Amino acid sequence: VDISPNHAGILMGISNTASNICGFIAPYAAGLLINENPSLE
């Protein structure tokens, strides 16, 4: 944000969008991994 103060809002919006997308994808990926191997035995 310090690099480009004129575009700080846009840069924060893009970074927050990217982090939220990762937040949606991570549980889906974990579900795929867990469904293939439901037990640790």
Protein backbone atom coordinates (compact mmCIF):
# COMPACT_ATOMS: atom_id res chain seq x y z
CA VAL A 1 0.00 0.00 0.00
CA ASP A 2 2.93 2.33 0.67
CA ILE A 3 4.24 1.78 -2.85
CA SER A 4 1.13 3.18 -4.53
CA PRO A 5 -0.99 5.36 -2.22
CA ASN A 6 -3.13 6.56 -5.12
CA HIS A 7 -4.37 3.03 -5.76
CA ALA A 8 -4.41 1.74 -2.17
CA GLY A 9 -8.12 0.93 -2.20
CA ILE A 10 -7.92 -1.07 -5.41
CA LEU A 11 -4.85 -2.97 -4.21
CA MET A 12 -6.47 -3.82 -0.88
CA GLY A 13 -9.60 -4.98 -2.69
CA ILE A 14 -7.60 -7.27 -4.95
CA SER A 15 -5.61 -8.73 -2.04
CA ASN A 16 -8.73 -9.29 0.05
CA THR A 17 -10.45 -10.97 -2.90
CA ALA A 18 -7.49 -13.30 -3.39
CA SER A 19 -7.43 -14.23 0.30
CA ASN A 20 -11.18 -14.88 0.35
CA ILE A 21 -10.91 -17.13 -2.70
CA CYS A 22 -8.23 -19.14 -0.88
CA GLY A 23 -10.57 -19.31 2.12
CA PHE A 24 -13.27 -20.88 -0.03
CA ILE A 25 -10.96 -23.29 -1.85
CA ALA A 26 -9.11 -24.64 1.22
CA PRO A 27 -12.13 -26.40 2.85
CA TYR A 28 -13.14 -27.84 -0.52
CA ALA A 29 -9.64 -29.25 -1.07
CA ALA A 30 -9.56 -30.61 2.49
CA GLY A 31 -12.93 -32.28 1.89
CA LEU A 32 -11.63 -33.96 -1.25
CA LEU A 33 -8.60 -35.29 0.63
CA ILE A 34 -10.59 -36.48 3.64
CA ASN A 35 -13.28 -38.22 1.56
CA GLU A 36 -10.65 -40.34 -0.15
CA ASN A 37 -9.14 -41.49 3.16
CA PRO A 38 -11.68 -41.03 6.00
CA SER A 39 -9.69 -42.80 8.75
CA LEU A 40 -6.13 -42.50 9.97
CA GLU A 41 -5.78 -46.23 10.66
